[in-house]
N, C-alpha and C. Protein backbone atom coordinates (compact mmCIF):
# COMPACT_ATOMS: atom_id res chain seq x y z
N MET A 1 14.84 5.83 0.02
CA MET A 1 13.16 5.68 -0.23
C MET A 1 12.51 5.64 0.52
N PRO A 2 11.49 6.04 0.43
CA PRO A 2 10.47 5.78 2.45
C PRO A 2 9.73 4.94 1.93
N ILE A 3 9.58 4.07 3.06
CA ILE A 3 8.68 2.63 3.21
C ILE A 3 7.56 2.88 4.21
N SER A 4 6.16 2.75 3.93
CA SER A 4 5.49 2.97 4.99
C SER A 4 4.72 1.49 5.10
N THR A 5 4.35 1.86 6.18
CA THR A 5 3.38 0.24 6.55
C THR A 5 2.02 0.81 6.73
N LEU A 6 0.93 -0.05 6.22
CA LEU A 6 0.14 0.38 6.77
C LEU A 6 -1.45 -0.81 6.79
N LYS A 7 -2.31 -0.43 8.09
CA LYS A 7 -3.24 -1.43 8.12
C LYS A 7 -4.27 -0.96 7.22
N ILE A 8 -4.89 -2.01 6.67
CA ILE A 8 -5.74 -2.30 5.61
C ILE A 8 -6.88 -2.55 6.12
N GLU A 9 -7.96 -1.81 5.67
CA GLU A 9 -9.42 -2.32 6.45
C GLU A 9 -10.60 -2.97 5.56
N GLY A 10 -10.88 -3.73 5.52
CA GLY A 10 -11.98 -3.86 4.39
C GLY A 10 -11.24 -5.60 3.91
N MET A 11 -10.49 -6.20 4.08
CA MET A 11 -9.34 -7.02 3.48
C MET A 11 -10.08 -8.40 3.95
N MET A 12 -10.72 -9.25 3.31
CA MET A 12 -11.38 -10.24 3.82
C MET A 12 -10.56 -11.51 3.44
N CYS A 13 -9.77 -11.93 2.62
CA CYS A 13 -9.25 -12.98 2.03
C CYS A 13 -7.86 -12.48 1.29
N SER A 14 -7.40 -13.77 0.99
CA SER A 14 -5.89 -13.32 0.18
C SER A 14 -6.09 -12.77 -1.08
N GLY A 15 -7.35 -12.93 -1.76
CA GLY A 15 -7.27 -12.48 -2.64
C GLY A 15 -7.34 -11.05 -2.55
N CYS A 16 -8.09 -10.35 -1.91
CA CYS A 16 -7.89 -8.99 -0.97
C CYS A 16 -6.61 -8.51 -1.66
N GLY A 17 -5.69 -9.30 -1.27
CA GLY A 17 -3.90 -8.85 -0.98
C GLY A 17 -3.81 -8.32 -2.24
N GLU A 18 -3.88 -9.70 -3.40
CA GLU A 18 -3.88 -9.46 -4.83
C GLU A 18 -4.38 -8.14 -5.30
N ILE A 19 -5.46 -8.00 -5.41
CA ILE A 19 -5.81 -7.02 -5.52
C ILE A 19 -5.41 -5.37 -5.21
N ILE A 20 -5.16 -5.17 -4.23
CA ILE A 20 -4.51 -4.38 -3.61
C ILE A 20 -2.83 -4.53 -4.01
N GLU A 21 -2.03 -5.18 -4.56
CA GLU A 21 -0.95 -5.52 -5.10
C GLU A 21 -1.14 -4.90 -6.49
N ARG A 22 -2.36 -5.49 -7.17
CA ARG A 22 -2.38 -4.61 -8.46
C ARG A 22 -2.63 -3.24 -8.83
N ALA A 23 -3.67 -2.76 -7.60
CA ALA A 23 -3.39 -1.32 -7.72
C ALA A 23 -2.39 -0.86 -7.60
N ALA A 24 -1.67 -1.56 -6.75
CA ALA A 24 -0.36 -0.33 -6.20
C ALA A 24 0.42 -0.52 -7.51
N GLU A 25 0.43 -1.85 -8.24
CA GLU A 25 1.36 -1.83 -9.73
C GLU A 25 0.91 -0.95 -10.82
N LYS A 26 -0.07 -0.34 -10.70
CA LYS A 26 -0.57 0.55 -11.47
C LYS A 26 -0.70 2.25 -11.42
N ILE A 27 0.30 2.50 -10.31
CA ILE A 27 0.53 3.68 -9.58
C ILE A 27 2.31 4.18 -10.02
N PRO A 28 2.43 4.79 -10.91
CA PRO A 28 3.80 5.34 -11.33
C PRO A 28 4.50 5.66 -9.72
N GLY A 29 5.44 5.29 -9.35
CA GLY A 29 6.40 5.57 -8.21
C GLY A 29 6.34 4.29 -7.49
N ILE A 30 5.34 3.98 -7.20
CA ILE A 30 5.09 2.76 -6.21
C ILE A 30 6.31 2.18 -6.81
N GLU A 31 7.41 1.44 -6.13
CA GLU A 31 8.73 0.47 -6.35
C GLU A 31 8.13 -0.79 -5.60
N LYS A 32 7.63 -1.29 -4.57
CA LYS A 32 7.46 -2.74 -4.14
C LYS A 32 6.05 -2.29 -3.22
N CYS A 33 5.27 -3.22 -3.12
CA CYS A 33 3.99 -3.57 -2.42
C CYS A 33 3.88 -4.68 -2.04
N THR A 34 3.90 -5.01 -0.55
CA THR A 34 3.99 -6.57 -0.08
C THR A 34 2.47 -6.08 0.89
N VAL A 35 1.51 -7.29 0.45
CA VAL A 35 0.90 -7.29 1.61
C VAL A 35 0.87 -8.66 2.49
N GLU A 36 0.69 -8.49 3.55
CA GLU A 36 0.49 -9.41 4.45
C GLU A 36 -1.08 -9.60 5.35
N PHE A 37 -1.38 -10.61 4.50
CA PHE A 37 -2.92 -10.69 4.67
C PHE A 37 -3.16 -11.11 6.59
N SER A 38 -2.48 -11.94 7.20
CA SER A 38 -2.58 -12.42 8.64
C SER A 38 -2.38 -11.20 9.29
N LYS A 39 -1.79 -9.62 8.82
CA LYS A 39 -1.75 -8.84 9.66
C LYS A 39 -2.62 -7.68 9.40
N SER A 40 -3.40 -8.05 7.92
CA SER A 40 -4.46 -7.10 7.87
C SER A 40 -3.34 -5.84 7.49
N GLN A 41 -1.83 -5.79 6.77
CA GLN A 41 -1.27 -4.75 6.61
C GLN A 41 -0.40 -5.08 5.16
N THR A 42 0.01 -3.55 4.42
CA THR A 42 1.00 -3.71 3.51
C THR A 42 1.98 -2.68 3.70
N THR A 43 2.93 -3.29 3.16
CA THR A 43 4.41 -2.32 3.41
C THR A 43 4.91 -1.78 1.79
N VAL A 44 5.00 -0.56 1.74
CA VAL A 44 4.95 0.09 0.07
C VAL A 44 6.65 0.98 0.35
N ILE A 45 7.05 0.43 -0.39
CA ILE A 45 8.03 1.27 -0.70
C ILE A 45 8.13 2.54 -2.11
N TYR A 46 8.20 3.77 -2.14
CA TYR A 46 7.74 4.67 -3.18
C TYR A 46 8.71 6.12 -3.12
N ASN A 47 8.73 6.06 -4.54
CA ASN A 47 9.53 7.17 -4.54
C ASN A 47 8.85 8.54 -4.71
N PRO A 48 9.20 9.29 -3.70
CA PRO A 48 8.55 10.41 -3.41
C PRO A 48 8.21 11.59 -4.34
N GLN A 49 9.45 11.52 -5.19
CA GLN A 49 9.43 12.50 -6.49
C GLN A 49 8.18 12.38 -7.51
N LEU A 50 7.69 10.90 -7.44
CA LEU A 50 6.88 10.59 -8.07
C LEU A 50 5.24 10.38 -7.67
N VAL A 51 5.28 9.98 -6.60
CA VAL A 51 3.85 9.43 -5.79
C VAL A 51 3.86 9.95 -4.28
N THR A 52 2.81 10.36 -3.43
CA THR A 52 2.46 10.36 -2.34
C THR A 52 2.16 9.40 -1.75
N ILE A 53 2.15 8.81 -0.56
CA ILE A 53 1.12 8.07 0.01
C ILE A 53 -0.06 8.14 0.13
N GLU A 54 -0.13 9.40 0.17
CA GLU A 54 -1.90 10.01 -0.01
C GLU A 54 -2.36 9.57 -1.80
N THR A 55 -1.82 9.52 -2.40
CA THR A 55 -2.23 9.08 -3.85
C THR A 55 -2.62 7.56 -3.95
N PHE A 56 -1.84 6.61 -2.75
CA PHE A 56 -1.69 5.18 -2.55
C PHE A 56 -3.03 4.80 -1.99
N GLN A 57 -3.28 5.94 -1.08
CA GLN A 57 -4.31 5.26 0.16
C GLN A 57 -5.79 5.67 -0.77
N ARG A 58 -5.65 6.59 -1.94
CA ARG A 58 -6.96 7.25 -2.50
C ARG A 58 -6.95 5.97 -3.50
N ALA A 59 -6.21 5.51 -4.15
CA ALA A 59 -5.92 4.24 -5.32
C ALA A 59 -6.77 3.04 -4.37
N LEU A 60 -6.26 2.76 -3.12
CA LEU A 60 -7.33 1.57 -2.53
C LEU A 60 -8.29 2.11 -2.04
N ALA A 61 -8.60 3.47 -1.89
CA ALA A 61 -9.89 3.40 -1.54
C ALA A 61 -10.82 3.08 -2.68
N GLY A 62 -10.35 3.61 -3.71
CA GLY A 62 -10.82 2.79 -5.16
C GLY A 62 -11.26 1.63 -5.40
N VAL A 63 -10.95 1.04 -4.78
CA VAL A 63 -11.03 -0.55 -4.83
C VAL A 63 -11.31 -1.03 -3.81
N GLY A 64 -11.85 -0.23 -2.77
CA GLY A 64 -12.61 -0.39 -1.58
C GLY A 64 -12.00 -0.93 -0.44
N TYR A 65 -10.83 -0.32 -0.06
CA TYR A 65 -10.57 -0.37 0.84
C TYR A 65 -9.81 0.62 1.41
N THR A 66 -9.86 0.91 2.90
CA THR A 66 -9.41 2.02 3.62
C THR A 66 -7.55 1.75 4.12
N ALA A 67 -6.70 2.76 4.08
CA ALA A 67 -5.51 2.53 5.08
C ALA A 67 -4.98 3.52 5.51
N GLN A 68 -4.48 3.40 6.70
CA GLN A 68 -3.97 4.11 7.83
C GLN A 68 -2.34 3.82 7.95
N ILE A 69 -1.63 5.02 8.01
CA ILE A 69 -0.10 4.34 8.31
C ILE A 69 0.04 4.29 9.71
N VAL A 70 0.95 3.16 9.80
CA VAL A 70 1.16 2.18 10.92
C VAL A 70 2.84 3.24 11.50
N GLU A 71 3.26 3.15 10.44
CA GLU A 71 5.17 3.12 10.44
C GLU A 71 5.58 3.99 9.14
N ASN A 72 6.52 4.72 9.29
CA ASN A 72 7.21 5.11 8.18
C ASN A 72 9.01 4.92 8.83
N SER A 73 9.40 4.68 7.39
CA SER A 73 10.58 4.54 7.37
C SER A 73 11.32 5.06 6.23
N SER A 74 12.73 4.50 5.89
CA SER A 74 13.14 4.84 4.70
C SER A 74 14.32 3.89 4.76
N VAL A 75 14.47 3.52 3.49
CA VAL A 75 15.91 2.72 2.92
C VAL A 75 16.44 3.44 2.11
N ALA A 76 18.26 3.36 2.09
CA ALA A 76 19.20 4.09 1.25
C ALA A 76 19.16 3.95 -0.10
């Protein structure tokens, strides 16, 4: 499965991280979303047959954040 690390803009506090994680939980195909507030980043593991990273980015925009991909990799 692909793993994407994204830089988040607009995150002001750890509560913002919770909003991002809740938004991710609502998207079918997002397997795991971990927010690192101290780095203003989130790491997402997702099923590409069900969702694209662009869908995740649009969901974040819908709750007030912009996200740019920093790194892509994959897990077995």
